[in-house]
Structure formats: C-alpha cells, structure tokens
Amino acid sequence: MFILWWIIVGLIAGFITGKLMKGSGYGAIMDIVIGIVGALVGGFIMRSLGYAGRGGMIYTIIVAIAGAVVLTLLLRLLTGNRSRNL
C-alpha cells in the first residue's frame, strides 16, 4: 500500500510539475519517476529546514511538487534542456 501511495503522489506531482515548468516534457513514466524522486528531495529539503514530515495528503503533494520542480530545474541545467518560456 505504501508503494501505491508513492506512485499516486508521484503521478500527481509529476503531472503538475510538467504543467508548471512548461517546455518539452520527459514523458508519462519519467514524470512519475521525477515526481517520486521529487517527493524525496522535497521531504529532505523540508526536514533540513526544520519542518515536520507530517501534514497529510495536501502537504505531501505540495512538498513533492516543490521537490520535483527543483529536480526538474537541476535536470534541465545538466542536460541543457531549457524552456524558452521560463
């Protein structure tokens, strides 16, 4: 059940991040992966800032989106895939 939760959060975060970031996407599967890894990155950032890891579904999705945005920015810097609409 825990893995299913991360896939759902990753799917939502990846989809929303794809819409927020514009430009060429990475595809459905890669968006889910970026969303899941983004959730981990976002959780790490929030814990580093001193925020608790508990907050429910909305909090988890917002943190996952923030982490996915940071991860997408880093991926675009590394791969040179930049959007002209940033």
PDB file of N, CA and C in Angstrom:
ATOM      1  N   MET A   1       0.823  -1.191   0.000  1.00  0.00           N
ATOM      2  CA  MET A   1       0.000   0.000   0.000  1.00  0.00           C
ATOM      3  C   MET A   1       0.871   1.261   0.000  1.00  0.00           C
ATOM      4  N   PHE A   2       2.009   1.191   0.684  1.00  0.00           N
ATOM      5  CA  PHE A   2       2.919   2.323   0.768  1.00  0.00           C
ATOM      6  C   PHE A   2       3.478   2.684  -0.599  1.00  0.00           C
ATOM      7  N   ILE A   3       3.826   1.669  -1.388  1.00  0.00           N
ATOM      8  CA  ILE A   3       4.365   1.910  -2.726  1.00  0.00           C
ATOM      9  C   ILE A   3       3.295   2.527  -3.623  1.00  0.00           C
ATOM     10  N   LEU A   4       2.073   2.054  -3.500  1.00  0.00           N
ATOM     11  CA  LEU A   4       0.969   2.624  -4.271  1.00  0.00           C
ATOM     12  C   LEU A   4       0.780   4.098  -3.928  1.00  0.00           C
ATOM     13  N   TRP A   5       0.910   4.456  -2.665  1.00  0.00           N
ATOM     14  CA  TRP A   5       0.799   5.855  -2.235  1.00  0.00           C
ATOM     15  C   TRP A   5       1.864   6.717  -2.912  1.00  0.00           C
ATOM     16  N   TRP A   6       3.121   6.245  -2.944  1.00  0.00           N
ATOM     17  CA  TRP A   6       4.200   7.000  -3.574  1.00  0.00           C
ATOM     18  C   TRP A   6       3.983   7.134  -5.076  1.00  0.00           C
ATOM     19  N   ILE A   7       3.433   6.100  -5.707  1.00  0.00           N
ATOM     20  CA  ILE A   7       3.150   6.183  -7.149  1.00  0.00           C
ATOM     21  C   ILE A   7       2.067   7.217  -7.414  1.00  0.00           C
ATOM     22  N   ILE A   8       1.028   7.239  -6.589  1.00  0.00           N
ATOM     23  CA  ILE A   8      -0.056   8.212  -6.767  1.00  0.00           C
ATOM     24  C   ILE A   8       0.461   9.630  -6.547  1.00  0.00           C
ATOM     25  N   VAL A   9       1.211   9.841  -5.480  1.00  0.00           N
ATOM     26  CA  VAL A   9       1.778  11.166  -5.203  1.00  0.00           C
ATOM     27  C   VAL A   9       2.748  11.558  -6.318  1.00  0.00           C
ATOM     28  N   GLY A  10       3.570  10.622  -6.777  1.00  0.00           N
ATOM     29  CA  GLY A  10       4.498  10.888  -7.865  1.00  0.00           C
ATOM     30  C   GLY A  10       3.790  11.243  -9.157  1.00  0.00           C
ATOM     31  N   LEU A  11       2.698  10.547  -9.431  1.00  0.00           N
ATOM     32  CA  LEU A  11       1.916  10.832 -10.631  1.00  0.00           C
ATOM     33  C   LEU A  11       1.336  12.245 -10.581  1.00  0.00           C
ATOM     34  N   ILE A  12       0.746  12.592  -9.451  1.00  0.00           N
ATOM     35  CA  ILE A  12       0.164  13.934  -9.293  1.00  0.00           C
ATOM     36  C   ILE A  12       1.252  15.003  -9.353  1.00  0.00           C
ATOM     37  N   ALA A  13       2.330  14.799  -8.604  1.00  0.00           N
ATOM     38  CA  ALA A  13       3.413  15.786  -8.577  1.00  0.00           C
ATOM     39  C   ALA A  13       4.088  15.913  -9.932  1.00  0.00           C
ATOM     40  N   GLY A  14       4.320  14.802 -10.612  1.00  0.00           N
ATOM     41  CA  GLY A  14       4.945  14.844 -11.924  1.00  0.00           C
ATOM     42  C   GLY A  14       4.072  15.545 -12.954  1.00  0.00           C
ATOM     43  N   PHE A  15       2.767  15.272 -12.903  1.00  0.00           N
ATOM     44  CA  PHE A  15       1.833  15.917 -13.836  1.00  0.00           C
ATOM     45  C   PHE A  15       1.794  17.425 -13.608  1.00  0.00           C
ATOM     46  N   ILE A  16       1.640  17.836 -12.352  1.00  0.00           N
ATOM     47  CA  ILE A  16       1.560  19.267 -12.040  1.00  0.00           C
ATOM     48  C   ILE A  16       2.885  19.964 -12.343  1.00  0.00           C
ATOM     49  N   THR A  17       3.989  19.319 -12.038  1.00  0.00           N
ATOM     50  CA  THR A  17       5.292  19.908 -12.337  1.00  0.00           C
ATOM     51  C   THR A  17       5.478  20.072 -13.841  1.00  0.00           C
ATOM     52  N   GLY A  18       5.035  19.087 -14.610  1.00  0.00           N
ATOM     53  CA  GLY A  18       5.109  19.197 -16.062  1.00  0.00           C
ATOM     54  C   GLY A  18       4.319  20.383 -16.586  1.00  0.00           C
ATOM     55  N   LYS A  19       3.177  20.671 -15.971  1.00  0.00           N
ATOM     56  CA  LYS A  19       2.364  21.821 -16.386  1.00  0.00           C
ATOM     57  C   LYS A  19       2.975  23.137 -15.908  1.00  0.00           C
ATOM     58  N   LEU A  20       3.576  23.136 -14.730  1.00  0.00           N
ATOM     59  CA  LEU A  20       4.175  24.363 -14.194  1.00  0.00           C
ATOM     60  C   LEU A  20       5.452  24.753 -14.928  1.00  0.00           C
ATOM     61  N   MET A  21       6.266  23.776 -15.266  1.00  0.00           N
ATOM     62  CA  MET A  21       7.596  24.044 -15.821  1.00  0.00           C
ATOM     63  C   MET A  21       7.563  24.353 -17.311  1.00  0.00           C
ATOM     64  N   LYS A  22       6.534  23.956 -18.007  1.00  0.00           N
ATOM     65  CA  LYS A  22       6.409  24.159 -19.458  1.00  0.00           C
ATOM     66  C   LYS A  22       7.583  23.536 -20.188  1.00  0.00           C
ATOM     67  N   GLY A  23       7.686  23.787 -21.461  1.00  0.00           N
ATOM     68  CA  GLY A  23       8.773  23.212 -22.242  1.00  0.00           C
ATOM     69  C   GLY A  23       8.488  21.765 -22.585  1.00  0.00           C
ATOM     70  N   SER A  24       9.472  21.108 -23.157  1.00  0.00           N
ATOM     71  CA  SER A  24       9.295  19.710 -23.537  1.00  0.00           C
ATOM     72  C   SER A  24       9.345  18.842 -22.291  1.00  0.00           C
ATOM     73  N   GLY A  25       8.407  17.930 -22.188  1.00  0.00           N
ATOM     74  CA  GLY A  25       8.330  17.063 -21.020  1.00  0.00           C
ATOM     75  C   GLY A  25       9.247  15.864 -21.163  1.00  0.00           C
ATOM     76  N   TYR A  26       9.186  14.994 -20.186  1.00  0.00           N
ATOM     77  CA  TYR A  26      10.015  13.798 -20.175  1.00  0.00           C
ATOM     78  C   TYR A  26       9.209  12.535 -20.446  1.00  0.00           C
ATOM     79  N   GLY A  27       7.900  12.663 -20.661  1.00  0.00           N
ATOM     80  CA  GLY A  27       7.045  11.504 -20.878  1.00  0.00           C
ATOM     81  C   GLY A  27       6.350  11.102 -19.593  1.00  0.00           C
ATOM     82  N   ALA A  28       5.308  10.306 -19.718  1.00  0.00           N
ATOM     83  CA  ALA A  28       4.469   9.947 -18.571  1.00  0.00           C
ATOM     84  C   ALA A  28       5.239   9.171 -17.503  1.00  0.00           C
ATOM     85  N   ILE A  29       5.971   8.155 -17.908  1.00  0.00           N
ATOM     86  CA  ILE A  29       6.708   7.335 -16.935  1.00  0.00           C
ATOM     87  C   ILE A  29       7.783   8.163 -16.242  1.00  0.00           C
ATOM     88  N   MET A  30       8.517   8.945 -17.013  1.00  0.00           N
ATOM     89  CA  MET A  30       9.581   9.762 -16.422  1.00  0.00           C
ATOM     90  C   MET A  30       8.996  10.844 -15.526  1.00  0.00           C
ATOM     91  N   ASP A  31       7.818  11.385 -15.864  1.00  0.00           N
ATOM     92  CA  ASP A  31       7.174  12.356 -14.988  1.00  0.00           C
ATOM     93  C   ASP A  31       6.831  11.740 -13.634  1.00  0.00           C
ATOM     94  N   ILE A  32       6.371  10.482 -13.650  1.00  0.00           N
ATOM     95  CA  ILE A  32       6.081   9.785 -12.391  1.00  0.00           C
ATOM     96  C   ILE A  32       7.363   9.591 -11.589  1.00  0.00           C
ATOM     97  N   VAL A  33       8.420   9.168 -12.269  1.00  0.00           N
ATOM     98  CA  VAL A  33       9.707   8.965 -11.586  1.00  0.00           C
ATOM     99  C   VAL A  33      10.212  10.280 -11.008  1.00  0.00           C
ATOM    100  N   ILE A  34      10.138  11.361 -11.800  1.00  0.00           N
ATOM    101  CA  ILE A  34      10.569  12.674 -11.310  1.00  0.00           C
ATOM    102  C   ILE A  34       9.697  13.104 -10.131  1.00  0.00           C
ATOM    103  N   GLY A  35       8.406  12.806 -10.184  1.00  0.00           N
ATOM    104  CA  GLY A  35       7.519  13.136  -9.072  1.00  0.00           C
ATOM    105  C   GLY A  35       7.877  12.385  -7.801  1.00  0.00           C
ATOM    106  N   ILE A  36       8.177  11.093  -7.932  1.00  0.00           N
ATOM    107  CA  ILE A  36       8.537  10.282  -6.765  1.00  0.00           C
ATOM    108  C   ILE A  36       9.876  10.741  -6.186  1.00  0.00           C
ATOM    109  N   VAL A  37      10.872  10.905  -7.046  1.00  0.00           N
ATOM    110  CA  VAL A  37      12.180  11.373  -6.571  1.00  0.00           C
ATOM    111  C   VAL A  37      12.048  12.799  -6.037  1.00  0.00           C
ATOM    112  N   GLY A  38      11.215  13.599  -6.690  1.00  0.00           N
ATOM    113  CA  GLY A  38      10.954  14.960  -6.212  1.00  0.00           C
ATOM    114  C   GLY A  38      10.333  14.974  -4.827  1.00  0.00           C
ATOM    115  N   ALA A  39       9.474  14.000  -4.553  1.00  0.00           N
ATOM    116  CA  ALA A  39       8.892  13.894  -3.215  1.00  0.00           C
ATOM    117  C   ALA A  39       9.978  13.626  -2.182  1.00  0.00           C
ATOM    118  N   LEU A  40      10.925  12.777  -2.533  1.00  0.00           N
ATOM    119  CA  LEU A  40      12.040  12.507  -1.618  1.00  0.00           C
ATOM    120  C   LEU A  40      12.913  13.737  -1.440  1.00  0.00           C
ATOM    121  N   VAL A  41      13.206  14.429  -2.540  1.00  0.00           N
ATOM    122  CA  VAL A  41      14.017  15.653  -2.476  1.00  0.00           C
ATOM    123  C   VAL A  41      13.287  16.718  -1.650  1.00  0.00           C
ATOM    124  N   GLY A  42      11.999  16.889  -1.929  1.00  0.00           N
ATOM    125  CA  GLY A  42      11.209  17.870  -1.184  1.00  0.00           C
ATOM    126  C   GLY A  42      11.147  17.546   0.300  1.00  0.00           C
ATOM    127  N   GLY A  43      10.982  16.263   0.631  1.00  0.00           N
ATOM    128  CA  GLY A  43      10.981  15.846   2.037  1.00  0.00           C
ATOM    129  C   GLY A  43      12.304  16.122   2.711  1.00  0.00           C
ATOM    130  N   PHE A  44      13.403  15.864   2.004  1.00  0.00           N
ATOM    131  CA  PHE A  44      14.733  16.148   2.549  1.00  0.00           C
ATOM    132  C   PHE A  44      14.910  17.646   2.791  1.00  0.00           C
ATOM    133  N   ILE A  45      14.493  18.463   1.817  1.00  0.00           N
ATOM    134  CA  ILE A  45      14.614  19.919   1.961  1.00  0.00           C
ATOM    135  C   ILE A  45      13.782  20.414   3.138  1.00  0.00           C
ATOM    136  N   MET A  46      12.555  19.921   3.257  1.00  0.00           N
ATOM    137  CA  MET A  46      11.683  20.369   4.354  1.00  0.00           C
ATOM    138  C   MET A  46      12.240  19.944   5.715  1.00  0.00           C
ATOM    139  N   ARG A  47      12.765  18.715   5.794  1.00  0.00           N
ATOM    140  CA  ARG A  47      13.362  18.283   7.064  1.00  0.00           C
ATOM    141  C   ARG A  47      14.593  19.104   7.398  1.00  0.00           C
ATOM    142  N   SER A  48      15.367  19.470   6.369  1.00  0.00           N
ATOM    143  CA  SER A  48      16.562  20.295   6.593  1.00  0.00           C
ATOM    144  C   SER A  48      16.197  21.688   7.089  1.00  0.00           C
ATOM    145  N   LEU A  49      15.042  22.187   6.661  1.00  0.00           N
ATOM    146  CA  LEU A  49      14.572  23.495   7.114  1.00  0.00           C
ATOM    147  C   LEU A  49      13.880  23.431   8.473  1.00  0.00           C
ATOM    148  N   GLY A  50      13.684  22.224   8.998  1.00  0.00           N
ATOM    149  CA  GLY A  50      13.114  22.071  10.323  1.00  0.00           C
ATOM    150  C   GLY A  50      11.614  21.825  10.366  1.00  0.00           C
ATOM    151  N   TYR A  51      11.008  21.563   9.221  1.00  0.00           N
ATOM    152  CA  TYR A  51       9.569  21.281   9.198  1.00  0.00           C
ATOM    153  C   TYR A  51       9.330  19.800   9.392  1.00  0.00           C
ATOM    154  N   ALA A  52       8.256  19.492  10.101  1.00  0.00           N
ATOM    155  CA  ALA A  52       7.922  18.103  10.387  1.00  0.00           C
ATOM    156  C   ALA A  52       7.467  17.404   9.110  1.00  0.00           C
ATOM    157  N   GLY A  53       7.606  16.109   9.072  1.00  0.00           N
ATOM    158  CA  GLY A  53       7.225  15.326   7.916  1.00  0.00           C
ATOM    159  C   GLY A  53       5.783  14.900   7.912  1.00  0.00           C
ATOM    160  N   ARG A  54       4.981  15.427   8.817  1.00  0.00           N
ATOM    161  CA  ARG A  54       3.581  15.033   8.898  1.00  0.00           C
ATOM    162  C   ARG A  54       2.704  16.202   8.489  1.00  0.00           C
ATOM    163  N   GLY A  55       1.727  15.934   7.666  1.00  0.00           N
ATOM    164  CA  GLY A  55       0.858  17.020   7.260  1.00  0.00           C
ATOM    165  C   GLY A  55      -0.296  16.579   6.389  1.00  0.00           C
ATOM    166  N   GLY A  56      -0.381  15.320   6.066  1.00  0.00           N
ATOM    167  CA  GLY A  56      -1.487  14.841   5.263  1.00  0.00           C
ATOM    168  C   GLY A  56      -1.208  14.852   3.782  1.00  0.00           C
ATOM    169  N   MET A  57      -2.247  14.570   3.026  1.00  0.00           N
ATOM    170  CA  MET A  57      -2.114  14.392   1.584  1.00  0.00           C
ATOM    171  C   MET A  57      -1.745  15.680   0.861  1.00  0.00           C
ATOM    172  N   ILE A  58      -2.410  16.777   1.183  1.00  0.00           N
ATOM    173  CA  ILE A  58      -2.144  18.038   0.501  1.00  0.00           C
ATOM    174  C   ILE A  58      -0.707  18.488   0.754  1.00  0.00           C
ATOM    175  N   TYR A  59      -0.272  18.422   2.000  1.00  0.00           N
ATOM    176  CA  TYR A  59       1.108  18.783   2.351  1.00  0.00           C
ATOM    177  C   TYR A  59       2.101  17.920   1.578  1.00  0.00           C
ATOM    178  N   THR A  60       1.846  16.619   1.524  1.00  0.00           N
ATOM    179  CA  THR A  60       2.741  15.700   0.833  1.00  0.00           C
ATOM    180  C   THR A  60       2.833  16.030  -0.650  1.00  0.00           C
ATOM    181  N   ILE A  61       1.702  16.333  -1.267  1.00  0.00           N
ATOM    182  CA  ILE A  61       1.698  16.658  -2.695  1.00  0.00           C
ATOM    183  C   ILE A  61       2.416  17.978  -2.949  1.00  0.00           C
ATOM    184  N   ILE A  62       2.197  18.971  -2.095  1.00  0.00           N
ATOM    185  CA  ILE A  62       2.870  20.264  -2.265  1.00  0.00           C
ATOM    186  C   ILE A  62       4.379  20.114  -2.118  1.00  0.00           C
ATOM    187  N   VAL A  63       4.817  19.355  -1.129  1.00  0.00           N
ATOM    188  CA  VAL A  63       6.250  19.116  -0.937  1.00  0.00           C
ATOM    189  C   VAL A  63       6.816  18.337  -2.118  1.00  0.00           C
ATOM    190  N   ALA A  64       6.066  17.353  -2.617  1.00  0.00           N
ATOM    191  CA  ALA A  64       6.519  16.579  -3.774  1.00  0.00           C
ATOM    192  C   ALA A  64       6.632  17.459  -5.012  1.00  0.00           C
ATOM    193  N   ILE A  65       5.683  18.370  -5.211  1.00  0.00           N
ATOM    194  CA  ILE A  65       5.742  19.278  -6.352  1.00  0.00           C
ATOM    195  C   ILE A  65       6.955  20.187  -6.232  1.00  0.00           C
ATOM    196  N   ALA A  66       7.188  20.735  -5.044  1.00  0.00           N
ATOM    197  CA  ALA A  66       8.351  21.609  -4.845  1.00  0.00           C
ATOM    198  C   ALA A  66       9.644  20.852  -5.115  1.00  0.00           C
ATOM    199  N   GLY A  67       9.743  19.638  -4.626  1.00  0.00           N
ATOM    200  CA  GLY A  67      10.931  18.829  -4.882  1.00  0.00           C
ATOM    201  C   GLY A  67      11.080  18.474  -6.348  1.00  0.00           C
ATOM    202  N   ALA A  68       9.967  18.171  -7.020  1.00  0.00           N
ATOM    203  CA  ALA A  68      10.016  17.832  -8.440  1.00  0.00           C
ATOM    204  C   ALA A  68      10.412  19.038  -9.286  1.00  0.00           C
ATOM    205  N   VAL A  69       9.970  20.229  -8.876  1.00  0.00           N
ATOM    206  CA  VAL A  69      10.373  21.448  -9.595  1.00  0.00           C
ATOM    207  C   VAL A  69      11.875  21.659  -9.455  1.00  0.00           C
ATOM    208  N   VAL A  70      12.395  21.503  -8.245  1.00  0.00           N
ATOM    209  CA  VAL A  70      13.842  21.641  -8.025  1.00  0.00           C
ATOM    210  C   VAL A  70      14.596  20.594  -8.840  1.00  0.00           C
ATOM    211  N   LEU A  71      14.113  19.359  -8.812  1.00  0.00           N
ATOM    212  CA  LEU A  71      14.766  18.288  -9.558  1.00  0.00           C
ATOM    213  C   LEU A  71      14.712  18.544 -11.062  1.00  0.00           C
ATOM    214  N   THR A  72      13.586  19.035 -11.565  1.00  0.00           N
ATOM    215  CA  THR A  72      13.460  19.338 -12.991  1.00  0.00           C
ATOM    216  C   THR A  72      14.406  20.463 -13.393  1.00  0.00           C
ATOM    217  N   LEU A  73      14.525  21.478 -12.542  1.00  0.00           N
ATOM    218  CA  LEU A  73      15.478  22.557 -12.832  1.00  0.00           C
ATOM    219  C   LEU A  73      16.906  22.020 -12.910  1.00  0.00           C
ATOM    220  N   LEU A  74      17.265  21.159 -11.973  1.00  0.00           N
ATOM    221  CA  LEU A  74      18.604  20.566 -11.988  1.00  0.00           C
ATOM    222  C   LEU A  74      18.817  19.697 -13.228  1.00  0.00           C
ATOM    223  N   LEU A  75      17.804  18.904 -13.592  1.00  0.00           N
ATOM    224  CA  LEU A  75      17.922  18.073 -14.787  1.00  0.00           C
ATOM    225  C   LEU A  75      18.078  18.915 -16.039  1.00  0.00           C
ATOM    226  N   ARG A  76      17.340  20.009 -16.117  1.00  0.00           N
ATOM    227  CA  ARG A  76      17.451  20.883 -17.289  1.00  0.00           C
ATOM    228  C   ARG A  76      18.805  21.581 -17.343  1.00  0.00           C
ATOM    229  N   LEU A  77      19.350  21.922 -16.193  1.00  0.00           N
ATOM    230  CA  LEU A  77      20.682  22.526 -16.179  1.00  0.00           C
ATOM    231  C   LEU A  77      21.741  21.524 -16.622  1.00  0.00           C
ATOM    232  N   LEU A  78      21.599  20.281 -16.198  1.00  0.00           N
ATOM    233  CA  LEU A  78      22.581  19.256 -16.543  1.00  0.00           C
ATOM    234  C   LEU A  78      22.473  18.804 -17.996  1.00  0.00           C
ATOM    235  N   THR A  79      21.252  18.690 -18.495  1.00  0.00           N
ATOM    236  CA  THR A  79      21.070  18.167 -19.853  1.00  0.00           C
ATOM    237  C   THR A  79      20.995  19.267 -20.905  1.00  0.00           C
ATOM    238  N   GLY A  80      20.857  20.499 -20.479  1.00  0.00           N
ATOM    239  CA  GLY A  80      20.752  21.594 -21.431  1.00  0.00           C
ATOM    240  C   GLY A  80      19.367  21.738 -22.032  1.00  0.00           C
ATOM    241  N   ASN A  81      18.381  21.034 -21.505  1.00  0.00           N
ATOM    242  CA  ASN A  81      17.003  21.087 -21.976  1.00  0.00           C
ATOM    243  C   ASN A  81      16.289  22.211 -21.270  1.00  0.00           C
ATOM    244  N   ARG A  82      16.364  23.415 -21.817  1.00  0.00           N
ATOM    245  CA  ARG A  82      15.769  24.580 -21.179  1.00  0.00           C
ATOM    246  C   ARG A  82      14.574  25.052 -21.971  1.00  0.00           C
ATOM    247  N   SER A  83      13.592  25.567 -21.280  1.00  0.00           N
ATOM    248  CA  SER A  83      12.408  26.100 -21.917  1.00  0.00           C
ATOM    249  C   SER A  83      12.630  27.581 -22.232  1.00  0.00           C
ATOM    250  N   ARG A  84      12.081  28.040 -23.308  1.00  0.00           N
ATOM    251  CA  ARG A  84      12.190  29.448 -23.658  1.00  0.00           C
ATOM    252  C   ARG A  84      11.161  30.286 -22.910  1.00  0.00           C
ATOM    253  N   ASN A  85      10.203  29.634 -22.237  1.00  0.00           N
ATOM    254  CA  ASN A  85       9.121  30.354 -21.556  1.00  0.00           C
ATOM    255  C   ASN A  85       9.354  30.508 -20.065  1.00  0.00           C
ATOM    256  N   LEU A  86      10.544  30.220 -19.559  1.00  0.00           N
ATOM    257  CA  LEU A  86      10.788  30.344 -18.119  1.00  0.00           C
ATOM    258  C   LEU A  86      10.780  31.741 -17.715  1.00  0.00           C
TER     259      LEU A  86
END
